């Protein structure tokens, strides 16, 4: 994966396969503590107990179409490469929380990438799922809810290409307004 946004996309697709009806993605950038935290929370079926302690292994998966699962292992690899770690909490029938930390200034940390595009795509492609996106930096925060978008603009607006372009630009503009001082040049792709 070339960016953390693509790691997020892969993990959220796992949540969708686990029949989640509510998914929250939170990104916290803290320059003072030199940390980047990505948290993905869902209310899906949870990780089966027989693989819960092995989920970071790429050769362990619940998928029947292939014998390799790379979402969590790659996120874990990239977090450890950047001086962090990945923690997973899962309760059968209640959902899963995945937290990946990174040293924000670490030279091996992947750029955040096109997070605006990923969030927009996930909301448009999965209108029945309640998505919440939170992004916090030392300069401010941005929150977006698919339920609020549907209420404000109507259910049909999430399938309109023009609206999706506007939504993506809205996310980018808001992220730009909270862009933390000291953000690396390669992270500016999410703007």
C-alpha atoms as a PDB file:
ATOM      1  CA  UNK A   1       0.000   0.000   0.000  1.00  0.00           C
ATOM      2  CA  UNK A   2       1.370   3.362  -0.984  1.00  0.00           C
ATOM      3  CA  UNK A   3      -0.614   5.390   1.538  1.00  0.00           C
ATOM      4  CA  UNK A   4      -2.394   5.077   4.858  1.00  0.00           C
ATOM      5  CA  UNK A   5      -5.681   5.989   3.158  1.00  0.00           C
ATOM      6  CA  UNK A   6      -5.429   2.734   1.187  1.00  0.00           C
ATOM      7  CA  UNK A   7      -4.724   0.816   4.410  1.00  0.00           C
ATOM      8  CA  UNK A   8      -7.856   2.406   5.876  1.00  0.00           C
ATOM      9  CA  UNK A   9      -9.853   1.408   2.794  1.00  0.00           C
ATOM     10  CA  UNK A  10      -8.733  -2.214   3.131  1.00  0.00           C
ATOM     11  CA  UNK A  11      -9.588  -2.402   6.836  1.00  0.00           C
ATOM     12  CA  UNK A  12     -13.002  -0.778   6.273  1.00  0.00           C
ATOM     13  CA  UNK A  13     -13.712  -3.340   3.537  1.00  0.00           C
ATOM     14  CA  UNK A  14     -13.092  -6.012   6.198  1.00  0.00           C
ATOM     15  CA  UNK A  15     -15.681  -4.252   8.374  1.00  0.00           C
ATOM     16  CA  UNK A  16     -18.158  -4.254   5.502  1.00  0.00           C
ATOM     17  CA  UNK A  17     -17.585  -7.991   4.932  1.00  0.00           C
ATOM     18  CA  UNK A  18     -18.214  -8.456   8.665  1.00  0.00           C
ATOM     19  CA  UNK A  19     -21.714  -7.010   8.133  1.00  0.00           C
ATOM     20  CA  UNK A  20     -21.065  -3.731   9.957  1.00  0.00           C
ATOM     21  CA  UNK A  21     -23.883  -1.190   9.760  1.00  0.00           C
ATOM     22  CA  UNK A  22     -21.851   1.559  11.452  1.00  0.00           C
ATOM     23  CA  UNK A  23     -18.175   2.311  10.817  1.00  0.00           C
ATOM     24  CA  UNK A  24     -16.084   5.097  12.290  1.00  0.00           C
ATOM     25  CA  UNK A  25     -12.689   6.201  10.997  1.00  0.00           C
ATOM     26  CA  UNK A  26     -10.697   8.560  13.212  1.00  0.00           C
ATOM     27  CA  UNK A  27      -7.314  10.093  12.382  1.00  0.00           C
ATOM     28  CA  UNK A  28      -5.433  12.032  15.059  1.00  0.00           C
ATOM     29  CA  UNK A  29      -2.232  13.922  14.257  1.00  0.00           C
ATOM     30  CA  UNK A  30      -0.400  15.272  17.308  1.00  0.00           C
ATOM     31  CA  UNK A  31       2.820  17.170  16.670  1.00  0.00           C
ATOM     32  CA  UNK A  32       3.597  17.650  20.383  1.00  0.00           C
ATOM     33  CA  UNK A  33       3.623  13.911  21.077  1.00  0.00           C
ATOM     34  CA  UNK A  34       4.899  13.098  17.557  1.00  0.00           C
ATOM     35  CA  UNK A  35       2.086  10.596  17.008  1.00  0.00           C
ATOM     36  CA  UNK A  36      -0.365   9.701  14.320  1.00  0.00           C
ATOM     37  CA  UNK A  37      -3.237   7.488  15.455  1.00  0.00           C
ATOM     38  CA  UNK A  38      -5.691   5.787  13.126  1.00  0.00           C
ATOM     39  CA  UNK A  39      -8.708   4.143  14.747  1.00  0.00           C
ATOM     40  CA  UNK A  40     -11.290   2.134  12.837  1.00  0.00           C
ATOM     41  CA  UNK A  41     -14.338   1.009  14.794  1.00  0.00           C
ATOM     42  CA  UNK A  42     -17.223  -1.124  13.534  1.00  0.00           C
ATOM     43  CA  UNK A  43     -20.270  -2.929  14.871  1.00  0.00           C
ATOM     44  CA  UNK A  44     -19.794  -6.003  12.676  1.00  0.00           C
ATOM     45  CA  UNK A  45     -19.649  -9.661  13.602  1.00  0.00           C
ATOM     46  CA  UNK A  46     -16.210  -9.369  15.193  1.00  0.00           C
ATOM     47  CA  UNK A  47     -13.120 -11.434  14.565  1.00  0.00           C
ATOM     48  CA  UNK A  48     -13.667 -15.170  15.139  1.00  0.00           C
ATOM     49  CA  UNK A  49     -12.039 -16.304  18.385  1.00  0.00           C
ATOM     50  CA  UNK A  50      -9.979 -19.034  16.694  1.00  0.00           C
ATOM     51  CA  UNK A  51      -8.026 -16.441  14.672  1.00  0.00           C
ATOM     52  CA  UNK A  52      -8.184 -13.364  16.932  1.00  0.00           C
ATOM     53  CA  UNK A  53      -4.626 -13.785  18.231  1.00  0.00           C
ATOM     54  CA  UNK A  54      -3.311 -14.558  14.708  1.00  0.00           C
ATOM     55  CA  UNK A  55      -5.018 -11.778  12.727  1.00  0.00           C
ATOM     56  CA  UNK A  56      -1.714  -9.944  12.112  1.00  0.00           C
ATOM     57  CA  UNK A  57      -0.394 -12.995  10.216  1.00  0.00           C
ATOM     58  CA  UNK A  58      -0.913 -12.590   6.437  1.00  0.00           C
ATOM     59  CA  UNK A  59      -1.587 -16.307   6.054  1.00  0.00           C
ATOM     60  CA  UNK A  60      -4.593 -16.217   8.378  1.00  0.00           C
ATOM     61  CA  UNK A  61      -7.913 -15.076   6.911  1.00  0.00           C
ATOM     62  CA  UNK A  62     -11.610 -15.812   7.119  1.00  0.00           C
ATOM     63  CA  UNK A  63     -11.992 -15.332   3.378  1.00  0.00           C
ATOM     64  CA  UNK A  64     -12.706 -18.431   1.348  1.00  0.00           C
ATOM     65  CA  UNK A  65     -11.749 -16.944  -2.032  1.00  0.00           C
ATOM     66  CA  UNK A  66      -8.064 -16.729  -1.161  1.00  0.00           C
ATOM     67  CA  UNK A  67      -5.762 -17.951   1.572  1.00  0.00           C
ATOM     68  CA  UNK A  68      -4.049 -14.618   2.277  1.00  0.00           C
ATOM     69  CA  UNK A  69      -5.386 -11.632   4.213  1.00  0.00           C
ATOM     70  CA  UNK A  70      -3.198  -8.562   3.924  1.00  0.00           C
ATOM     71  CA  UNK A  71      -5.255  -5.694   5.416  1.00  0.00           C
ATOM     72  CA  UNK A  72      -4.338  -5.962   9.092  1.00  0.00           C
ATOM     73  CA  UNK A  73      -0.851  -7.449   8.508  1.00  0.00           C
ATOM     74  CA  UNK A  74       0.111  -4.565   6.198  1.00  0.00           C
ATOM     75  CA  UNK A  75      -1.271  -1.940   8.577  1.00  0.00           C
ATOM     76  CA  UNK A  76       0.658  -3.588  11.408  1.00  0.00           C
ATOM     77  CA  UNK A  77       3.837  -3.757   9.312  1.00  0.00           C
ATOM     78  CA  UNK A  78       3.634  -0.087   8.379  1.00  0.00           C
ATOM     79  CA  UNK A  79       2.887   1.040  11.933  1.00  0.00           C
ATOM     80  CA  UNK A  80       5.826  -0.941  13.337  1.00  0.00           C
ATOM     81  CA  UNK A  81       8.075   0.335  10.530  1.00  0.00           C
ATOM     82  CA  UNK A  82       7.234   3.883  11.658  1.00  0.00           C
ATOM     83  CA  UNK A  83       7.883   3.272  15.351  1.00  0.00           C
ATOM     84  CA  UNK A  84       4.320   2.390  16.300  1.00  0.00           C
ATOM     85  CA  UNK A  85       2.090  -0.598  16.857  1.00  0.00           C
ATOM     86  CA  UNK A  86      -1.333  -1.985  16.023  1.00  0.00           C
ATOM     87  CA  UNK A  87      -3.853  -3.022  18.652  1.00  0.00           C
ATOM     88  CA  UNK A  88      -7.027  -4.968  17.989  1.00  0.00           C
ATOM     89  CA  UNK A  89     -10.036  -5.416  20.243  1.00  0.00           C
ATOM     90  CA  UNK A  90     -12.893  -7.553  19.005  1.00  0.00           C
ATOM     91  CA  UNK A  91     -16.012  -8.962  20.608  1.00  0.00           C
ATOM     92  CA  UNK A  92     -17.995 -11.582  18.736  1.00  0.00           C
ATOM     93  CA  UNK A  93     -21.309 -10.138  17.624  1.00  0.00           C
ATOM     94  CA  UNK A  94     -20.449  -6.615  18.799  1.00  0.00           C
ATOM     95  CA  UNK A  95     -17.653  -5.433  16.526  1.00  0.00           C
ATOM     96  CA  UNK A  96     -13.995  -4.598  16.242  1.00  0.00           C
ATOM     97  CA  UNK A  97     -11.705  -1.683  17.077  1.00  0.00           C
ATOM     98  CA  UNK A  98      -8.342  -1.426  15.321  1.00  0.00           C
ATOM     99  CA  UNK A  99      -5.865   1.201  16.502  1.00  0.00           C
ATOM    100  CA  UNK A 100      -2.638   1.836  14.617  1.00  0.00           C
ATOM    101  CA  UNK A 101      -0.083   4.303  15.929  1.00  0.00           C
ATOM    102  CA  UNK A 102       2.830   5.784  14.024  1.00  0.00           C
ATOM    103  CA  UNK A 103       5.600   8.192  14.925  1.00  0.00           C
ATOM    104  CA  UNK A 104       4.391  11.221  12.979  1.00  0.00           C
ATOM    105  CA  UNK A 105       7.857  12.438  11.985  1.00  0.00           C
ATOM    106  CA  UNK A 106       9.306   8.995  11.249  1.00  0.00           C
ATOM    107  CA  UNK A 107      10.946   8.964   7.800  1.00  0.00           C
ATOM    108  CA  UNK A 108       9.432   5.551   7.023  1.00  0.00           C
ATOM    109  CA  UNK A 109       5.862   6.572   7.824  1.00  0.00           C
ATOM    110  CA  UNK A 110       3.632   6.386   4.785  1.00  0.00           C
ATOM    111  CA  UNK A 111       1.846   9.568   3.696  1.00  0.00           C
ATOM    112  CA  UNK A 112      -1.819   9.796   4.613  1.00  0.00           C
ATOM    113  CA  UNK A 113      -2.771   9.888   0.948  1.00  0.00           C
ATOM    114  CA  UNK A 114      -6.138  10.669  -0.604  1.00  0.00           C
ATOM    115  CA  UNK A 115      -8.236  10.263   2.519  1.00  0.00           C
ATOM    116  CA  UNK A 116     -10.911  12.582   1.085  1.00  0.00           C
ATOM    117  CA  UNK A 117     -11.291  10.314  -1.941  1.00  0.00           C
ATOM    118  CA  UNK A 118     -11.403   7.149   0.171  1.00  0.00           C
ATOM    119  CA  UNK A 119     -14.044   8.486   2.573  1.00  0.00           C
ATOM    120  CA  UNK A 120     -16.162   9.832  -0.295  1.00  0.00           C
ATOM    121  CA  UNK A 121     -15.945   6.523  -2.168  1.00  0.00           C
ATOM    122  CA  UNK A 122     -16.836   4.464   0.906  1.00  0.00           C
ATOM    123  CA  UNK A 123     -19.905   6.590   1.645  1.00  0.00           C
ATOM    124  CA  UNK A 124     -21.080   6.536  -1.983  1.00  0.00           C
ATOM    125  CA  UNK A 125     -20.534   2.799  -2.498  1.00  0.00           C
ATOM    126  CA  UNK A 126     -22.166   1.765   0.779  1.00  0.00           C
ATOM    127  CA  UNK A 127     -25.236   3.984   1.318  1.00  0.00           C
ATOM    128  CA  UNK A 128     -26.799   1.580   3.848  1.00  0.00           C
ATOM    129  CA  UNK A 129     -23.812   1.882   6.214  1.00  0.00           C
ATOM    130  CA  UNK A 130     -23.523   4.738   8.683  1.00  0.00           C
ATOM    131  CA  UNK A 131     -20.045   6.212   8.239  1.00  0.00           C
ATOM    132  CA  UNK A 132     -18.433   8.702  10.591  1.00  0.00           C
ATOM    133  CA  UNK A 133     -15.087  10.314   9.860  1.00  0.00           C
ATOM    134  CA  UNK A 134     -13.143  12.360  12.421  1.00  0.00           C
ATOM    135  CA  UNK A 135      -9.818  14.073  11.818  1.00  0.00           C
ATOM    136  CA  UNK A 136      -8.066  15.880  14.656  1.00  0.00           C
ATOM    137  CA  UNK A 137      -4.861  17.898  14.530  1.00  0.00           C
ATOM    138  CA  UNK A 138      -3.263  20.391  16.888  1.00  0.00           C
ATOM    139  CA  UNK A 139      -4.962  23.143  14.834  1.00  0.00           C
ATOM    140  CA  UNK A 140      -8.523  21.825  14.966  1.00  0.00           C
ATOM    141  CA  UNK A 141     -10.892  19.038  14.068  1.00  0.00           C
ATOM    142  CA  UNK A 142     -13.164  17.977  11.235  1.00  0.00           C
ATOM    143  CA  UNK A 143     -16.133  15.631  11.574  1.00  0.00           C
ATOM    144  CA  UNK A 144     -18.301  14.146   8.836  1.00  0.00           C
ATOM    145  CA  UNK A 145     -21.269  11.812   9.105  1.00  0.00           C
ATOM    146  CA  UNK A 146     -23.038  10.060   6.238  1.00  0.00           C
ATOM    147  CA  UNK A 147     -26.298  10.351   8.197  1.00  0.00           C
ATOM    148  CA  UNK A 148     -25.934  14.134   8.406  1.00  0.00           C
ATOM    149  CA  UNK A 149     -25.143  14.333   4.687  1.00  0.00           C
ATOM    150  CA  UNK A 150     -28.232  12.299   3.830  1.00  0.00           C
ATOM    151  CA  UNK A 151     -30.397  14.418   6.116  1.00  0.00           C
ATOM    152  CA  UNK A 152     -29.046  17.701   4.779  1.00  0.00           C
ATOM    153  CA  UNK A 153     -28.935  16.821   1.074  1.00  0.00           C
ATOM    154  CA  UNK A 154     -31.288  13.881   0.644  1.00  0.00           C
ATOM    155  CA  UNK A 155     -30.586  10.188   0.183  1.00  0.00           C
ATOM    156  CA  UNK A 156     -30.123  10.429  -3.584  1.00  0.00           C
ATOM    157  CA  UNK A 157     -27.250  12.908  -3.351  1.00  0.00           C
ATOM    158  CA  UNK A 158     -24.706  10.224  -2.428  1.00  0.00           C
ATOM    159  CA  UNK A 159     -25.108   8.675  -5.866  1.00  0.00           C
ATOM    160  CA  UNK A 160     -24.770  11.901  -7.860  1.00  0.00           C
ATOM    161  CA  UNK A 161     -21.285  12.306  -9.393  1.00  0.00           C
ATOM    162  CA  UNK A 162     -21.394  16.106  -9.141  1.00  0.00           C
ATOM    163  CA  UNK A 163     -22.304  15.944  -5.484  1.00  0.00           C
ATOM    164  CA  UNK A 164     -19.522  13.435  -4.816  1.00  0.00           C
ATOM    165  CA  UNK A 165     -16.966  15.776  -6.384  1.00  0.00           C
ATOM    166  CA  UNK A 166     -18.274  18.566  -4.140  1.00  0.00           C
ATOM    167  CA  UNK A 167     -18.153  16.297  -1.085  1.00  0.00           C
ATOM    168  CA  UNK A 168     -14.553  15.301  -1.807  1.00  0.00           C
ATOM    169  CA  UNK A 169     -13.595  18.965  -2.209  1.00  0.00           C
ATOM    170  CA  UNK A 170     -15.465  19.831   1.025  1.00  0.00           C
ATOM    171  CA  UNK A 171     -13.422  17.208   2.920  1.00  0.00           C
ATOM    172  CA  UNK A 172     -10.152  18.417   1.373  1.00  0.00           C
ATOM    173  CA  UNK A 173     -10.912  22.073   2.174  1.00  0.00           C
ATOM    174  CA  UNK A 174     -11.688  21.231   5.790  1.00  0.00           C
ATOM    175  CA  UNK A 175      -8.554  19.118   6.140  1.00  0.00           C
ATOM    176  CA  UNK A 176      -6.522  21.960   4.704  1.00  0.00           C
ATOM    177  CA  UNK A 177      -7.937  24.301   7.351  1.00  0.00           C
ATOM    178  CA  UNK A 178      -6.706  22.033  10.159  1.00  0.00           C
ATOM    179  CA  UNK A 179      -3.444  21.024   8.502  1.00  0.00           C
ATOM    180  CA  UNK A 180      -0.924  20.920  11.325  1.00  0.00           C
ATOM    181  CA  UNK A 181       2.219  23.003  11.176  1.00  0.00           C
ATOM    182  CA  UNK A 182       5.093  20.723  10.323  1.00  0.00           C
ATOM    183  CA  UNK A 183       3.034  18.480   8.044  1.00  0.00           C
ATOM    184  CA  UNK A 184       5.350  16.662   5.659  1.00  0.00           C
ATOM    185  CA  UNK A 185       5.173  17.579   2.000  1.00  0.00           C
ATOM    186  CA  UNK A 186       4.108  14.054   1.010  1.00  0.00           C
ATOM    187  CA  UNK A 187       1.130  14.273   3.403  1.00  0.00           C
ATOM    188  CA  UNK A 188      -0.273  17.241   1.509  1.00  0.00           C
ATOM    189  CA  UNK A 189      -1.878  14.870  -1.005  1.00  0.00           C
ATOM    190  CA  UNK A 190      -4.918  14.729   1.261  1.00  0.00           C
ATOM    191  CA  UNK A 191      -5.407  18.426   0.695  1.00  0.00           C
END
